[in-house]
Amino acid sequence: MTALNLELRHPDERVAAQRTPEEQRAHEAREVAQHYEHNPEIFSLVLDKRLAYSTGVFLSPDEDLETGQERKFARVAAKLNIQAGEKVLDVGCGWGSLLLYLAQHTQGTFQGITLSSKQREVALQRAKDWGVADRVRVDLTHVEQLNPAPESYDVVLFSGSIVHMHNREVIHQLVGRTLKPGGRLFISDCYFPAEQRGDRDSSATRYIFVTALGYCRLLSLSEELSLIERAGLDLLHVEDLTSSYVQTLGHWINNVRTNRERIESMAPGFAKVLQGYMTVAKLSFAKRTALEYMILATKGPPKVHVAGWPIPGNAK
């Protein structure tokens, strides 16, 4: 099968395409980690209590951040339907928000990976504090450096993380080999529309993708789905959470404003970075020049009953 010709949408993607895979992994490990190596207390002032750094799921505009994130965790748990003894890999697990929720609410065994040593420390300490350390491990590595045995995981997760990874086809092929029959792939992340809306080479785009977050690559949804299918997986469900991400970003921005003085005392200038990139992102998603999706795919016959899921709420 020939490689899929993915569009290079902004200058930093075109630079990344000139690097070797090893050089790009090193670039992502260095540049992306910088954002997350800030004092975890800063993120506790901005995010929800579990430190989820991806969209929540909101049914009304007056819901608070905790409600939206708890609904997201519960919805992901229902989609994955993790059974006792199943092995789960959370790629870019952050401070362990989704990883530890699933460990607390199922009897699976869990491995998280992150590029940030501070995130790893927090996730492992929380695993101990919340009584699931015997079923949770967290490693400091890039996903492309993993060498798992074929068909060794039942679930692979990317929640707000795959956007930081340039070599997507390599990653999806790894996932396809790694999943057992009946295994599930879950992604929650940001995408560009297939038709261009707005200036993707703008200084605002570069501020988010490079200055704030180190490296980001937004594919179109159709490109991501094609890569998933080419890796031998079948799509089960795609859900548009763009309006929920706008609401999530609004909560984060308000928290930055409320806690600006404390954030500045720990990391001078970082509150400005957070509020700046989140404000630009909120405007982009509100105008739908960028989009937010959750994706669920399976390797072979599914173990989850998609048609049985309720779909509550109305579009806002």
C-alpha atoms as a PDB file:
ATOM      1  CA  MET A   1       0.000   0.000   0.000  1.00  0.00           C
ATOM      2  CA  THR A   2       1.413   3.377  -0.978  1.00  0.00           C
ATOM      3  CA  ALA A   3       1.705   6.100   1.636  1.00  0.00           C
ATOM      4  CA  LEU A   4      -1.182   8.550   1.930  1.00  0.00           C
ATOM      5  CA  ASN A   5      -0.226  12.000   0.683  1.00  0.00           C
ATOM      6  CA  LEU A   6      -1.209  14.163   3.678  1.00  0.00           C
ATOM      7  CA  GLU A   7      -1.483  17.900   3.116  1.00  0.00           C
ATOM      8  CA  LEU A   8       1.153  20.116   4.770  1.00  0.00           C
ATOM      9  CA  ARG A   9      -0.969  23.020   5.958  1.00  0.00           C
ATOM     10  CA  HIS A  10       1.417  25.428   7.660  1.00  0.00           C
ATOM     11  CA  PRO A  11       5.142  26.242   7.562  1.00  0.00           C
ATOM     12  CA  ASP A  12       6.155  24.213  10.609  1.00  0.00           C
ATOM     13  CA  GLU A  13       4.610  21.083   9.112  1.00  0.00           C
ATOM     14  CA  ARG A  14       6.671  21.653   5.979  1.00  0.00           C
ATOM     15  CA  VAL A  15       9.820  21.985   8.108  1.00  0.00           C
ATOM     16  CA  ALA A  16       8.887  18.809  10.006  1.00  0.00           C
ATOM     17  CA  ALA A  17       8.508  16.936   6.725  1.00  0.00           C
ATOM     18  CA  GLN A  18      12.190  17.653   5.960  1.00  0.00           C
ATOM     19  CA  ARG A  19      13.373  16.048   9.199  1.00  0.00           C
ATOM     20  CA  THR A  20      14.161  12.374   9.581  1.00  0.00           C
ATOM     21  CA  PRO A  21      11.716  10.425  11.779  1.00  0.00           C
ATOM     22  CA  GLU A  22      14.356  10.351  14.515  1.00  0.00           C
ATOM     23  CA  GLU A  23      14.872  14.116  14.291  1.00  0.00           C
ATOM     24  CA  GLN A  24      11.124  14.766  14.419  1.00  0.00           C
ATOM     25  CA  ARG A  25      10.667  12.514  17.462  1.00  0.00           C
ATOM     26  CA  ALA A  26      13.441  14.398  19.241  1.00  0.00           C
ATOM     27  CA  HIS A  27      11.873  17.710  18.223  1.00  0.00           C
ATOM     28  CA  GLU A  28       8.456  16.705  19.591  1.00  0.00           C
ATOM     29  CA  ALA A  29       9.951  15.292  22.787  1.00  0.00           C
ATOM     30  CA  ARG A  30      11.834  18.521  23.432  1.00  0.00           C
ATOM     31  CA  GLU A  31       9.406  21.193  22.252  1.00  0.00           C
ATOM     32  CA  VAL A  32       6.059  19.692  23.259  1.00  0.00           C
ATOM     33  CA  ALA A  33       7.266  18.713  26.733  1.00  0.00           C
ATOM     34  CA  GLN A  34       8.221  22.312  27.565  1.00  0.00           C
ATOM     35  CA  HIS A  35       4.591  23.368  27.924  1.00  0.00           C
ATOM     36  CA  TYR A  36       3.738  20.494  30.250  1.00  0.00           C
ATOM     37  CA  GLU A  37       6.890  20.783  32.353  1.00  0.00           C
ATOM     38  CA  HIS A  38       5.522  23.875  34.076  1.00  0.00           C
ATOM     39  CA  ASN A  39       4.542  23.543  37.725  1.00  0.00           C
ATOM     40  CA  PRO A  40       1.500  21.211  37.872  1.00  0.00           C
ATOM     41  CA  GLU A  41      -0.108  23.595  40.364  1.00  0.00           C
ATOM     42  CA  ILE A  42      -0.554  26.065  37.505  1.00  0.00           C
ATOM     43  CA  PHE A  43      -2.675  23.608  35.569  1.00  0.00           C
ATOM     44  CA  SER A  44      -4.663  22.789  38.721  1.00  0.00           C
ATOM     45  CA  LEU A  45      -5.721  26.454  38.747  1.00  0.00           C
ATOM     46  CA  VAL A  46      -6.905  26.303  35.130  1.00  0.00           C
ATOM     47  CA  LEU A  47      -8.240  22.796  34.467  1.00  0.00           C
ATOM     48  CA  ASP A  48     -10.749  20.568  36.281  1.00  0.00           C
ATOM     49  CA  LYS A  49      -9.868  18.572  39.390  1.00  0.00           C
ATOM     50  CA  ARG A  50      -8.616  15.604  37.333  1.00  0.00           C
ATOM     51  CA  LEU A  51      -6.490  17.886  35.114  1.00  0.00           C
ATOM     52  CA  ALA A  52      -8.098  16.957  31.808  1.00  0.00           C
ATOM     53  CA  TYR A  53      -6.422  18.996  29.058  1.00  0.00           C
ATOM     54  CA  SER A  54      -8.956  18.192  26.340  1.00  0.00           C
ATOM     55  CA  THR A  55     -12.574  19.057  25.698  1.00  0.00           C
ATOM     56  CA  GLY A  56     -15.406  18.233  28.048  1.00  0.00           C
ATOM     57  CA  VAL A  57     -18.922  17.329  26.882  1.00  0.00           C
ATOM     58  CA  PHE A  58     -21.563  19.948  27.634  1.00  0.00           C
ATOM     59  CA  LEU A  59     -25.326  19.762  27.171  1.00  0.00           C
ATOM     60  CA  SER A  60     -26.146  23.337  28.182  1.00  0.00           C
ATOM     61  CA  PRO A  61     -24.224  26.635  28.313  1.00  0.00           C
ATOM     62  CA  ASP A  62     -24.637  27.029  32.074  1.00  0.00           C
ATOM     63  CA  GLU A  63     -22.832  23.805  33.030  1.00  0.00           C
ATOM     64  CA  ASP A  64     -19.562  24.129  34.932  1.00  0.00           C
ATOM     65  CA  LEU A  65     -16.216  22.631  33.927  1.00  0.00           C
ATOM     66  CA  GLU A  66     -16.387  19.702  36.342  1.00  0.00           C
ATOM     67  CA  THR A  67     -19.771  18.626  34.962  1.00  0.00           C
ATOM     68  CA  GLY A  68     -18.553  18.719  31.370  1.00  0.00           C
ATOM     69  CA  GLN A  69     -15.376  16.778  32.073  1.00  0.00           C
ATOM     70  CA  GLU A  70     -17.091  14.133  34.221  1.00  0.00           C
ATOM     71  CA  ARG A  71     -19.587  13.579  31.401  1.00  0.00           C
ATOM     72  CA  LYS A  72     -16.687  13.202  28.956  1.00  0.00           C
ATOM     73  CA  PHE A  73     -14.974  10.587  31.149  1.00  0.00           C
ATOM     74  CA  ALA A  74     -18.204   8.631  31.566  1.00  0.00           C
ATOM     75  CA  ARG A  75     -18.945   8.778  27.839  1.00  0.00           C
ATOM     76  CA  VAL A  76     -15.464   7.496  26.957  1.00  0.00           C
ATOM     77  CA  ALA A  77     -15.804   4.684  29.500  1.00  0.00           C
ATOM     78  CA  ALA A  78     -19.118   3.655  27.942  1.00  0.00           C
ATOM     79  CA  LYS A  79     -17.670   3.742  24.424  1.00  0.00           C
ATOM     80  CA  LEU A  80     -14.683   1.585  25.364  1.00  0.00           C
ATOM     81  CA  ASN A  81     -16.486  -0.893  27.663  1.00  0.00           C
ATOM     82  CA  ILE A  82     -13.197  -2.066  29.206  1.00  0.00           C
ATOM     83  CA  GLN A  83     -13.439  -5.532  30.746  1.00  0.00           C
ATOM     84  CA  ALA A  84     -11.499  -7.066  33.631  1.00  0.00           C
ATOM     85  CA  GLY A  85      -7.913  -7.858  32.640  1.00  0.00           C
ATOM     86  CA  GLU A  86      -7.991  -5.930  29.364  1.00  0.00           C
ATOM     87  CA  LYS A  87      -4.796  -3.969  28.627  1.00  0.00           C
ATOM     88  CA  VAL A  88      -5.086  -0.263  27.872  1.00  0.00           C
ATOM     89  CA  LEU A  89      -2.427   2.080  26.452  1.00  0.00           C
ATOM     90  CA  ASP A  90      -3.000   5.828  26.932  1.00  0.00           C
ATOM     91  CA  VAL A  91      -0.680   7.705  24.556  1.00  0.00           C
ATOM     92  CA  GLY A  92      -0.002  11.199  25.876  1.00  0.00           C
ATOM     93  CA  CYS A  93      -1.709  10.445  29.182  1.00  0.00           C
ATOM     94  CA  GLY A  94      -0.942  13.849  30.681  1.00  0.00           C
ATOM     95  CA  TRP A  95      -1.409  14.007  34.441  1.00  0.00           C
ATOM     96  CA  GLY A  96      -3.505  10.843  34.267  1.00  0.00           C
ATOM     97  CA  SER A  97      -6.998  12.323  34.000  1.00  0.00           C
ATOM     98  CA  LEU A  98      -8.663   9.773  31.693  1.00  0.00           C
ATOM     99  CA  LEU A  99      -6.190   6.989  32.482  1.00  0.00           C
ATOM    100  CA  LEU A 100      -6.978   7.065  36.208  1.00  0.00           C
ATOM    101  CA  TYR A 101     -10.720   7.569  35.748  1.00  0.00           C
ATOM    102  CA  LEU A 102     -10.821   4.387  33.680  1.00  0.00           C
ATOM    103  CA  ALA A 103      -8.633   2.569  36.210  1.00  0.00           C
ATOM    104  CA  GLN A 104     -11.014   3.587  39.003  1.00  0.00           C
ATOM    105  CA  HIS A 105     -14.137   2.556  37.103  1.00  0.00           C
ATOM    106  CA  THR A 106     -12.980  -0.688  35.452  1.00  0.00           C
ATOM    107  CA  GLN A 107     -10.753  -3.662  36.245  1.00  0.00           C
ATOM    108  CA  GLY A 108      -8.446  -3.220  33.276  1.00  0.00           C
ATOM    109  CA  THR A 109      -4.670  -2.817  33.464  1.00  0.00           C
ATOM    110  CA  PHE A 110      -3.255   0.493  32.275  1.00  0.00           C
ATOM    111  CA  GLN A 111      -0.079   1.895  30.756  1.00  0.00           C
ATOM    112  CA  GLY A 112       0.294   5.606  30.123  1.00  0.00           C
ATOM    113  CA  ILE A 113       3.094   7.312  28.237  1.00  0.00           C
ATOM    114  CA  THR A 114       4.042  10.994  28.307  1.00  0.00           C
ATOM    115  CA  LEU A 115       6.892  13.255  27.224  1.00  0.00           C
ATOM    116  CA  SER A 116       6.781  15.205  30.511  1.00  0.00           C
ATOM    117  CA  SER A 117       8.513  13.993  33.673  1.00  0.00           C
ATOM    118  CA  LYS A 118       6.309  16.280  35.781  1.00  0.00           C
ATOM    119  CA  GLN A 119       3.161  14.789  34.290  1.00  0.00           C
ATOM    120  CA  ARG A 120       4.478  11.307  35.003  1.00  0.00           C
ATOM    121  CA  GLU A 121       5.185  12.184  38.642  1.00  0.00           C
ATOM    122  CA  VAL A 122       1.683  13.556  39.168  1.00  0.00           C
ATOM    123  CA  ALA A 123      -0.020  10.617  37.438  1.00  0.00           C
ATOM    124  CA  LEU A 124       1.892   8.031  39.469  1.00  0.00           C
ATOM    125  CA  GLN A 125       1.267   9.838  42.761  1.00  0.00           C
ATOM    126  CA  ARG A 126      -2.427  10.111  41.992  1.00  0.00           C
ATOM    127  CA  ALA A 127      -2.551   6.418  41.125  1.00  0.00           C
ATOM    128  CA  LYS A 128      -1.213   5.692  44.617  1.00  0.00           C
ATOM    129  CA  ASP A 129      -3.531   8.184  46.291  1.00  0.00           C
ATOM    130  CA  TRP A 130      -6.583   6.820  44.480  1.00  0.00           C
ATOM    131  CA  GLY A 131      -5.807   3.157  45.114  1.00  0.00           C
ATOM    132  CA  VAL A 132      -5.103   1.943  41.576  1.00  0.00           C
ATOM    133  CA  ALA A 133      -1.279   1.931  41.510  1.00  0.00           C
ATOM    134  CA  ASP A 134      -1.202  -1.882  41.227  1.00  0.00           C
ATOM    135  CA  ARG A 135      -2.884  -1.644  37.799  1.00  0.00           C
ATOM    136  CA  VAL A 136      -1.244   1.530  36.454  1.00  0.00           C
ATOM    137  CA  ARG A 137       2.204   2.255  35.055  1.00  0.00           C
ATOM    138  CA  VAL A 138       3.369   5.447  33.374  1.00  0.00           C
ATOM    139  CA  ASP A 139       6.458   5.626  31.151  1.00  0.00           C
ATOM    140  CA  LEU A 140       8.429   8.599  29.871  1.00  0.00           C
ATOM    141  CA  THR A 141       8.752   7.957  26.135  1.00  0.00           C
ATOM    142  CA  HIS A 142       7.530   8.859  22.659  1.00  0.00           C
ATOM    143  CA  VAL A 143       4.937   6.505  21.184  1.00  0.00           C
ATOM    144  CA  GLU A 144       7.155   5.810  18.157  1.00  0.00           C
ATOM    145  CA  GLN A 145       9.820   4.440  20.507  1.00  0.00           C
ATOM    146  CA  LEU A 146       7.506   1.771  21.867  1.00  0.00           C
ATOM    147  CA  ASN A 147       8.071  -1.726  20.568  1.00  0.00           C
ATOM    148  CA  PRO A 148       4.992  -3.634  21.728  1.00  0.00           C
ATOM    149  CA  ALA A 149       4.367  -7.207  20.750  1.00  0.00           C
ATOM    150  CA  PRO A 150       1.729  -7.677  18.040  1.00  0.00           C
ATOM    151  CA  GLU A 151      -1.840  -7.834  19.372  1.00  0.00           C
ATOM    152  CA  SER A 152      -0.775  -6.887  22.905  1.00  0.00           C
ATOM    153  CA  TYR A 153      -3.363  -4.194  23.807  1.00  0.00           C
ATOM    154  CA  ASP A 154      -7.157  -4.182  23.927  1.00  0.00           C
ATOM    155  CA  VAL A 155      -7.512  -0.394  23.871  1.00  0.00           C
ATOM    156  CA  VAL A 156      -5.291   2.470  22.650  1.00  0.00           C
ATOM    157  CA  LEU A 157      -6.227   6.046  23.623  1.00  0.00           C
ATOM    158  CA  PHE A 158      -5.180   9.462  22.309  1.00  0.00           C
ATOM    159  CA  SER A 159      -7.009  12.196  24.236  1.00  0.00           C
ATOM    160  CA  GLY A 160      -5.759  15.629  23.199  1.00  0.00           C
ATOM    161  CA  SER A 161      -2.385  14.180  22.243  1.00  0.00           C
ATOM    162  CA  ILE A 162      -2.272  12.898  18.670  1.00  0.00           C
ATOM    163  CA  VAL A 163      -2.280  16.509  17.450  1.00  0.00           C
ATOM    164  CA  HIS A 164       1.313  16.795  18.720  1.00  0.00           C
ATOM    165  CA  MET A 165       2.501  13.906  16.487  1.00  0.00           C
ATOM    166  CA  HIS A 166       3.676  14.542  12.936  1.00  0.00           C
ATOM    167  CA  ASN A 167       4.249  11.015  11.614  1.00  0.00           C
ATOM    168  CA  ARG A 168       0.609   9.972  11.830  1.00  0.00           C
ATOM    169  CA  GLU A 169       0.698   7.125   9.324  1.00  0.00           C
ATOM    170  CA  VAL A 170       3.500   5.430  11.261  1.00  0.00           C
ATOM    171  CA  ILE A 171       1.528   5.818  14.479  1.00  0.00           C
ATOM    172  CA  HIS A 172      -1.694   4.393  13.048  1.00  0.00           C
ATOM    173  CA  GLN A 173       0.148   1.429  11.572  1.00  0.00           C
ATOM    174  CA  LEU A 174       1.667   0.824  15.029  1.00  0.00           C
ATOM    175  CA  VAL A 175      -1.810   0.938  16.586  1.00  0.00           C
ATOM    176  CA  GLY A 176      -3.175  -1.459  13.969  1.00  0.00           C
ATOM    177  CA  ARG A 177      -0.444  -4.009  14.741  1.00  0.00           C
ATOM    178  CA  THR A 178      -0.683  -3.522  18.484  1.00  0.00           C
ATOM    179  CA  LEU A 179      -4.417  -3.991  18.980  1.00  0.00           C
ATOM    180  CA  LYS A 180      -5.864  -7.428  19.632  1.00  0.00           C
ATOM    181  CA  PRO A 181      -8.873  -8.627  17.633  1.00  0.00           C
ATOM    182  CA  GLY A 182     -11.838  -6.694  18.990  1.00  0.00           C
ATOM    183  CA  GLY A 183      -9.479  -3.970  20.219  1.00  0.00           C
ATOM    184  CA  ARG A 184     -10.567  -0.346  20.269  1.00  0.00           C
ATOM    185  CA  LEU A 185      -8.884   2.898  19.204  1.00  0.00           C
ATOM    186  CA  PHE A 186     -10.133   6.129  20.768  1.00  0.00           C
ATOM    187  CA  ILE A 187      -9.112   9.646  19.677  1.00  0.00           C
ATOM    188  CA  SER A 188     -10.322  12.999  20.987  1.00  0.00           C
ATOM    189  CA  ASP A 189      -8.635  15.918  19.230  1.00  0.00           C
ATOM    190  CA  CYS A 190      -8.613  18.936  16.919  1.00  0.00           C
ATOM    191  CA  TYR A 191      -8.894  19.008  13.116  1.00  0.00           C
ATOM    192  CA  PHE A 192      -8.950  21.461  10.249  1.00  0.00           C
ATOM    193  CA  PRO A 193     -11.950  21.400   7.895  1.00  0.00           C
ATOM    194  CA  ALA A 194     -11.122  19.858   4.527  1.00  0.00           C
ATOM    195  CA  GLU A 195     -11.926  23.203   2.885  1.00  0.00           C
ATOM    196  CA  GLN A 196      -9.679  25.985   4.074  1.00  0.00           C
ATOM    197  CA  ARG A 197     -11.370  28.522   6.317  1.00  0.00           C
ATOM    198  CA  GLY A 198      -9.136  31.346   7.462  1.00  0.00           C
ATOM    199  CA  ASP A 199      -5.365  31.795   7.248  1.00  0.00           C
ATOM    200  CA  ARG A 200      -3.491  28.709   8.412  1.00  0.00           C
ATOM    201  CA  ASP A 201      -0.132  30.401   7.900  1.00  0.00           C
ATOM    202  CA  SER A 202      -1.051  33.281  10.215  1.00  0.00           C
ATOM    203  CA  SER A 203       0.992  34.472  13.178  1.00  0.00           C
ATOM    204  CA  ALA A 204      -1.946  33.471  15.420  1.00  0.00           C
ATOM    205  CA  THR A 205      -1.769  29.888  14.168  1.00  0.00           C
ATOM    206  CA  ARG A 206       1.967  29.759  14.735  1.00  0.00           C
ATOM    207  CA  TYR A 207       1.524  31.223  18.228  1.00  0.00           C
ATOM    208  CA  ILE A 208      -0.684  28.273  19.209  1.00  0.00           C
ATOM    209  CA  PHE A 209       1.139  25.527  17.326  1.00  0.00           C
ATOM    210  CA  VAL A 210       4.723  26.544  18.143  1.00  0.00           C
ATOM    211  CA  THR A 211       5.068  29.281  20.760  1.00  0.00           C
ATOM    212  CA  ALA A 212       2.477  27.883  23.161  1.00  0.00           C
ATOM    213  CA  LEU A 213       2.342  24.140  22.488  1.00  0.00           C
ATOM    214  CA  GLY A 214       5.673  23.271  20.835  1.00  0.00           C
ATOM    215  CA  TYR A 215       4.403  21.363  17.802  1.00  0.00           C
ATOM    216  CA  CYS A 216       0.917  20.677  16.452  1.00  0.00           C
ATOM    217  CA  ARG A 217      -0.332  19.085  13.251  1.00  0.00           C
ATOM    218  CA  LEU A 218      -4.024  19.336  12.470  1.00  0.00           C
ATOM    219  CA  LEU A 219      -5.182  16.945   9.762  1.00  0.00           C
ATOM    220  CA  SER A 220      -8.612  16.991   8.222  1.00  0.00           C
ATOM    221  CA  LEU A 221     -11.008  14.463   9.717  1.00  0.00           C
ATOM    222  CA  SER A 222     -11.119  12.561   6.425  1.00  0.00           C
ATOM    223  CA  GLU A 223      -7.321  12.188   6.453  1.00  0.00           C
ATOM    224  CA  GLU A 224      -7.302  10.807  10.013  1.00  0.00           C
ATOM    225  CA  LEU A 225     -10.125   8.385   9.226  1.00  0.00           C
ATOM    226  CA  SER A 226      -8.332   7.213   6.079  1.00  0.00           C
ATOM    227  CA  LEU A 227      -5.192   6.473   8.096  1.00  0.00           C
ATOM    228  CA  ILE A 228      -7.249   4.518  10.623  1.00  0.00           C
ATOM    229  CA  GLU A 229      -8.881   2.432   7.896  1.00  0.00           C
ATOM    230  CA  ARG A 230      -5.572   1.846   6.121  1.00  0.00           C
ATOM    231  CA  ALA A 231      -4.239   0.448   9.406  1.00  0.00           C
ATOM    232  CA  GLY A 232      -6.919  -2.255   9.247  1.00  0.00           C
ATOM    233  CA  LEU A 233      -9.463  -0.768  11.636  1.00  0.00           C
ATOM    234  CA  ASP A 234     -13.171  -0.102  11.137  1.00  0.00           C
ATOM    235  CA  LEU A 235     -14.838   3.152  12.188  1.00  0.00           C
ATOM    236  CA  LEU A 236     -17.611   2.781  14.750  1.00  0.00           C
ATOM    237  CA  HIS A 237     -18.455   6.321  15.786  1.00  0.00           C
ATOM    238  CA  VAL A 238     -17.447   9.928  15.118  1.00  0.00           C
ATOM    239  CA  GLU A 239     -18.820  12.700  17.316  1.00  0.00           C
ATOM    240  CA  ASP A 240     -18.514  16.458  16.763  1.00  0.00           C
ATOM    241  CA  LEU A 241     -17.637  18.196  20.043  1.00  0.00           C
ATOM    242  CA  THR A 242     -16.666  21.564  18.579  1.00  0.00           C
ATOM    243  CA  SER A 243     -19.264  23.541  20.546  1.00  0.00           C
ATOM    244  CA  SER A 244     -18.244  21.699  23.733  1.00  0.00           C
ATOM    245  CA  TYR A 245     -14.612  22.656  23.145  1.00  0.00           C
ATOM    246  CA  VAL A 246     -15.600  26.316  22.787  1.00  0.00           C
ATOM    247  CA  GLN A 247     -17.294  26.044  26.178  1.00  0.00           C
ATOM    248  CA  THR A 248     -14.316  24.206  27.685  1.00  0.00           C
ATOM    249  CA  LEU A 249     -11.916  26.884  26.470  1.00  0.00           C
ATOM    250  CA  GLY A 250     -14.178  29.556  27.926  1.00  0.00           C
ATOM    251  CA  HIS A 251     -13.930  27.943  31.362  1.00  0.00           C
ATOM    252  CA  TRP A 252     -10.140  27.637  31.072  1.00  0.00           C
ATOM    253  CA  ILE A 253      -9.774  31.287  30.041  1.00  0.00           C
ATOM    254  CA  ASN A 254     -11.905  32.434  32.982  1.00  0.00           C
ATOM    255  CA  ASN A 255      -9.757  30.348  35.333  1.00  0.00           C
ATOM    256  CA  VAL A 256      -6.562  31.892  33.945  1.00  0.00           C
ATOM    257  CA  ARG A 257      -8.007  35.370  34.480  1.00  0.00           C
ATOM    258  CA  THR A 258      -9.117  34.537  38.023  1.00  0.00           C
ATOM    259  CA  ASN A 259      -5.755  33.034  38.970  1.00  0.00           C
ATOM    260  CA  ARG A 260      -3.431  35.226  36.896  1.00  0.00           C
ATOM    261  CA  GLU A 261      -1.496  36.579  39.878  1.00  0.00           C
ATOM    262  CA  ARG A 262      -0.767  33.116  41.312  1.00  0.00           C
ATOM    263  CA  ILE A 263       0.201  31.738  37.902  1.00  0.00           C
ATOM    264  CA  GLU A 264       2.544  34.660  37.295  1.00  0.00           C
ATOM    265  CA  SER A 265       4.212  34.119  40.676  1.00  0.00           C
ATOM    266  CA  MET A 266       5.123  30.553  39.640  1.00  0.00           C
ATOM    267  CA  ALA A 267       5.931  31.157  35.945  1.00  0.00           C
ATOM    268  CA  PRO A 268       6.248  34.795  34.854  1.00  0.00           C
ATOM    269  CA  GLY A 269       4.672  35.279  31.438  1.00  0.00           C
ATOM    270  CA  PHE A 270       2.925  31.901  31.295  1.00  0.00           C
ATOM    271  CA  ALA A 271      -0.537  33.268  32.116  1.00  0.00           C
ATOM    272  CA  LYS A 272      -0.255  35.481  29.036  1.00  0.00           C
ATOM    273  CA  VAL A 273       0.707  32.459  26.902  1.00  0.00           C
ATOM    274  CA  LEU A 274      -2.216  30.414  28.232  1.00  0.00           C
ATOM    275  CA  GLN A 275      -4.805  33.150  27.853  1.00  0.00           C
ATOM    276  CA  GLY A 276      -3.447  34.154  24.439  1.00  0.00           C
ATOM    277  CA  TYR A 277      -3.498  30.747  22.819  1.00  0.00           C
ATOM    278  CA  MET A 278      -6.784  29.720  24.442  1.00  0.00           C
ATOM    279  CA  THR A 279      -8.499  32.927  23.298  1.00  0.00           C
ATOM    280  CA  VAL A 280      -7.363  32.484  19.696  1.00  0.00           C
ATOM    281  CA  ALA A 281      -8.381  28.819  19.814  1.00  0.00           C
ATOM    282  CA  LYS A 282     -11.821  29.649  21.236  1.00  0.00           C
ATOM    283  CA  LEU A 283     -12.466  32.111  18.410  1.00  0.00           C
ATOM    284  CA  SER A 284     -11.277  29.574  15.815  1.00  0.00           C
ATOM    285  CA  PHE A 285     -13.529  26.787  17.064  1.00  0.00           C
ATOM    286  CA  ALA A 286     -16.476  29.168  17.506  1.00  0.00           C
ATOM    287  CA  LYS A 287     -16.085  30.170  13.824  1.00  0.00           C
ATOM    288  CA  ARG A 288     -15.444  26.495  12.895  1.00  0.00           C
ATOM    289  CA  THR A 289     -12.166  27.304  11.210  1.00  0.00           C
ATOM    290  CA  ALA A 290     -11.010  24.409  13.430  1.00  0.00           C
ATOM    291  CA  LEU A 291     -13.090  21.461  14.617  1.00  0.00           C
ATOM    292  CA  GLU A 292     -13.104  19.004  17.521  1.00  0.00           C
ATOM    293  CA  TYR A 293     -14.015  15.322  17.155  1.00  0.00           C
ATOM    294  CA  MET A 294     -14.106  12.099  19.148  1.00  0.00           C
ATOM    295  CA  ILE A 295     -13.394   8.975  17.115  1.00  0.00           C
ATOM    296  CA  LEU A 296     -13.918   5.304  17.988  1.00  0.00           C
ATOM    297  CA  ALA A 297     -12.637   2.467  15.802  1.00  0.00           C
ATOM    298  CA  THR A 298     -12.327  -1.287  16.223  1.00  0.00           C
ATOM    299  CA  LYS A 299     -10.079  -4.061  14.968  1.00  0.00           C
ATOM    300  CA  GLY A 300     -12.485  -6.655  13.639  1.00  0.00           C
ATOM    301  CA  PRO A 301     -15.976  -7.254  15.053  1.00  0.00           C
ATOM    302  CA  PRO A 302     -16.776  -4.665  17.742  1.00  0.00           C
ATOM    303  CA  LYS A 303     -17.108  -5.494  21.422  1.00  0.00           C
ATOM    304  CA  VAL A 304     -19.313  -2.452  22.035  1.00  0.00           C
ATOM    305  CA  HIS A 305     -22.936  -1.956  20.971  1.00  0.00           C
ATOM    306  CA  VAL A 306     -22.903   1.422  19.256  1.00  0.00           C
ATOM    307  CA  ALA A 307     -26.597   1.466  18.338  1.00  0.00           C
ATOM    308  CA  GLY A 308     -27.510   1.148  21.996  1.00  0.00           C
ATOM    309  CA  TRP A 309     -25.912   4.466  23.001  1.00  0.00           C
ATOM    310  CA  PRO A 310     -28.347   7.259  23.843  1.00  0.00           C
ATOM    311  CA  ILE A 311     -27.570  10.608  22.240  1.00  0.00           C
ATOM    312  CA  PRO A 312     -28.947  13.186  24.709  1.00  0.00           C
ATOM    313  CA  GLY A 313     -29.240  16.914  24.264  1.00  0.00           C
ATOM    314  CA  ASN A 314     -29.843  19.282  21.377  1.00  0.00           C
ATOM    315  CA  ALA A 315     -27.344  21.214  19.296  1.00  0.00           C
ATOM    316  CA  LYS A 316     -26.727  24.684  20.715  1.00  0.00           C
END
